Amino acid sequence: MKDKTSVTLSRKVLRGIDRLAGSKSRSAFIESVLAEYLHARARAQIEARDVEFLNRAADELAPEIEDVLRHQAEVEDPL
């Protein structure tokens, strides 16, 4: 189901839409561009949340990793 809406755009933007839309209608072109944008924004939010989670996990594990590496260095070079 689609809802009708009205958007005011500059002539320059409309010319760009018309040039890039090809055989698509303005509405179809604008909808596809906005759908891609919304998908990219949602993906970016998920990725940002994932990076935050990984950074937090890395911060929590860093002391343990340093301890393991220090222990390995002692075992390999007991002097």
C-alpha atoms as a PDB file:
ATOM      1  CA  MET A   1       0.000   0.000   0.000  1.00  0.00           C
ATOM      2  CA  LYS A   2       1.289   3.436  -0.852  1.00  0.00           C
ATOM      3  CA  ASP A   3       0.361   6.810   0.572  1.00  0.00           C
ATOM      4  CA  LYS A   4       0.429   9.941  -1.491  1.00  0.00           C
ATOM      5  CA  THR A   5       2.556  12.823  -0.256  1.00  0.00           C
ATOM      6  CA  SER A   6       3.777  16.123  -1.559  1.00  0.00           C
ATOM      7  CA  VAL A   7       7.403  17.210  -1.491  1.00  0.00           C
ATOM      8  CA  THR A   8       8.780  20.505  -2.705  1.00  0.00           C
ATOM      9  CA  LEU A   9      12.136  20.221  -4.474  1.00  0.00           C
ATOM     10  CA  SER A  10      14.330  22.695  -6.256  1.00  0.00           C
ATOM     11  CA  ARG A  11      14.420  22.679 -10.053  1.00  0.00           C
ATOM     12  CA  LYS A  12      18.068  21.677  -9.913  1.00  0.00           C
ATOM     13  CA  VAL A  13      17.235  18.578  -7.873  1.00  0.00           C
ATOM     14  CA  LEU A  14      14.327  17.714 -10.166  1.00  0.00           C
ATOM     15  CA  ARG A  15      16.581  17.979 -13.213  1.00  0.00           C
ATOM     16  CA  GLY A  16      19.041  15.629 -11.517  1.00  0.00           C
ATOM     17  CA  ILE A  17      16.251  13.179 -10.711  1.00  0.00           C
ATOM     18  CA  ASP A  18      14.962  13.296 -14.265  1.00  0.00           C
ATOM     19  CA  ARG A  19      18.462  12.742 -15.620  1.00  0.00           C
ATOM     20  CA  LEU A  20      19.196   9.758 -13.361  1.00  0.00           C
ATOM     21  CA  ALA A  21      15.752   8.171 -13.244  1.00  0.00           C
ATOM     22  CA  GLY A  22      15.892   6.969 -16.829  1.00  0.00           C
ATOM     23  CA  SER A  23      12.655   5.189 -17.597  1.00  0.00           C
ATOM     24  CA  LYS A  24      11.514   5.226 -13.947  1.00  0.00           C
ATOM     25  CA  SER A  25       8.956   7.747 -12.817  1.00  0.00           C
ATOM     26  CA  ARG A  26      10.120  10.433 -10.417  1.00  0.00           C
ATOM     27  CA  SER A  27       8.122   8.762  -7.654  1.00  0.00           C
ATOM     28  CA  ALA A  28       9.657   5.340  -8.288  1.00  0.00           C
ATOM     29  CA  PHE A  29      13.154   6.815  -8.473  1.00  0.00           C
ATOM     30  CA  ILE A  30      12.770   8.862  -5.283  1.00  0.00           C
ATOM     31  CA  GLU A  31      11.275   5.864  -3.457  1.00  0.00           C
ATOM     32  CA  SER A  32      14.160   3.605  -4.495  1.00  0.00           C
ATOM     33  CA  VAL A  33      16.774   6.200  -3.495  1.00  0.00           C
ATOM     34  CA  LEU A  34      15.118   6.772  -0.119  1.00  0.00           C
ATOM     35  CA  ALA A  35      14.741   3.033   0.488  1.00  0.00           C
ATOM     36  CA  GLU A  36      18.474   2.568  -0.183  1.00  0.00           C
ATOM     37  CA  TYR A  37      19.276   5.478   2.136  1.00  0.00           C
ATOM     38  CA  LEU A  38      17.089   4.113   4.931  1.00  0.00           C
ATOM     39  CA  HIS A  39      18.622   0.662   4.540  1.00  0.00           C
ATOM     40  CA  ALA A  40      22.141   2.149   4.676  1.00  0.00           C
ATOM     41  CA  ARG A  41      21.287   4.172   7.796  1.00  0.00           C
ATOM     42  CA  ALA A  42      19.830   1.122   9.538  1.00  0.00           C
ATOM     43  CA  ARG A  43      22.914  -0.909   8.575  1.00  0.00           C
ATOM     44  CA  ALA A  44      25.216   1.855   9.851  1.00  0.00           C
ATOM     45  CA  GLN A  45      23.401   1.894  13.199  1.00  0.00           C
ATOM     46  CA  ILE A  46      23.769  -1.873  13.521  1.00  0.00           C
ATOM     47  CA  GLU A  47      27.452  -1.681  12.617  1.00  0.00           C
ATOM     48  CA  ALA A  48      28.037   1.157  15.097  1.00  0.00           C
ATOM     49  CA  ARG A  49      26.365  -0.898  17.830  1.00  0.00           C
ATOM     50  CA  ASP A  50      28.522  -3.907  16.881  1.00  0.00           C
ATOM     51  CA  VAL A  51      31.715  -1.827  16.967  1.00  0.00           C
ATOM     52  CA  GLU A  52      30.750  -0.453  20.373  1.00  0.00           C
ATOM     53  CA  PHE A  53      30.144  -4.005  21.632  1.00  0.00           C
ATOM     54  CA  LEU A  54      33.476  -5.240  20.233  1.00  0.00           C
ATOM     55  CA  ASN A  55      35.373  -2.281  21.681  1.00  0.00           C
ATOM     56  CA  ARG A  56      33.800  -2.843  25.097  1.00  0.00           C
ATOM     57  CA  ALA A  57      34.689  -6.554  24.941  1.00  0.00           C
ATOM     58  CA  ALA A  58      38.239  -5.715  23.860  1.00  0.00           C
ATOM     59  CA  ASP A  59      38.605  -3.278  26.764  1.00  0.00           C
ATOM     60  CA  GLU A  60      37.379  -5.940  29.193  1.00  0.00           C
ATOM     61  CA  LEU A  61      39.711  -8.606  27.768  1.00  0.00           C
ATOM     62  CA  ALA A  62      42.809  -6.408  27.386  1.00  0.00           C
ATOM     63  CA  PRO A  63      44.175  -6.992  30.909  1.00  0.00           C
ATOM     64  CA  GLU A  64      43.761 -10.768  30.562  1.00  0.00           C
ATOM     65  CA  ILE A  65      45.432 -10.744  27.140  1.00  0.00           C
ATOM     66  CA  GLU A  66      48.335  -8.704  28.496  1.00  0.00           C
ATOM     67  CA  ASP A  67      48.716 -11.183  31.360  1.00  0.00           C
ATOM     68  CA  VAL A  68      48.781 -14.151  28.954  1.00  0.00           C
ATOM     69  CA  LEU A  69      51.343 -12.448  26.724  1.00  0.00           C
ATOM     70  CA  ARG A  70      53.484 -11.537  29.727  1.00  0.00           C
ATOM     71  CA  HIS A  71      53.340 -15.167  30.902  1.00  0.00           C
ATOM     72  CA  GLN A  72      54.269 -16.468  27.422  1.00  0.00           C
ATOM     73  CA  ALA A  73      57.237 -14.098  27.300  1.00  0.00           C
ATOM     74  CA  GLU A  74      58.425 -15.354  30.708  1.00  0.00           C
ATOM     75  CA  VAL A  75      58.116 -19.001  29.640  1.00  0.00           C
ATOM     76  CA  GLU A  76      59.980 -18.419  26.359  1.00  0.00           C
ATOM     77  CA  ASP A  77      62.725 -16.347  28.000  1.00  0.00           C
ATOM     78  CA  PRO A  78      63.114 -17.418  31.639  1.00  0.00           C
ATOM     79  CA  LEU A  79      66.048 -15.034  32.208  1.00  0.00           C
END
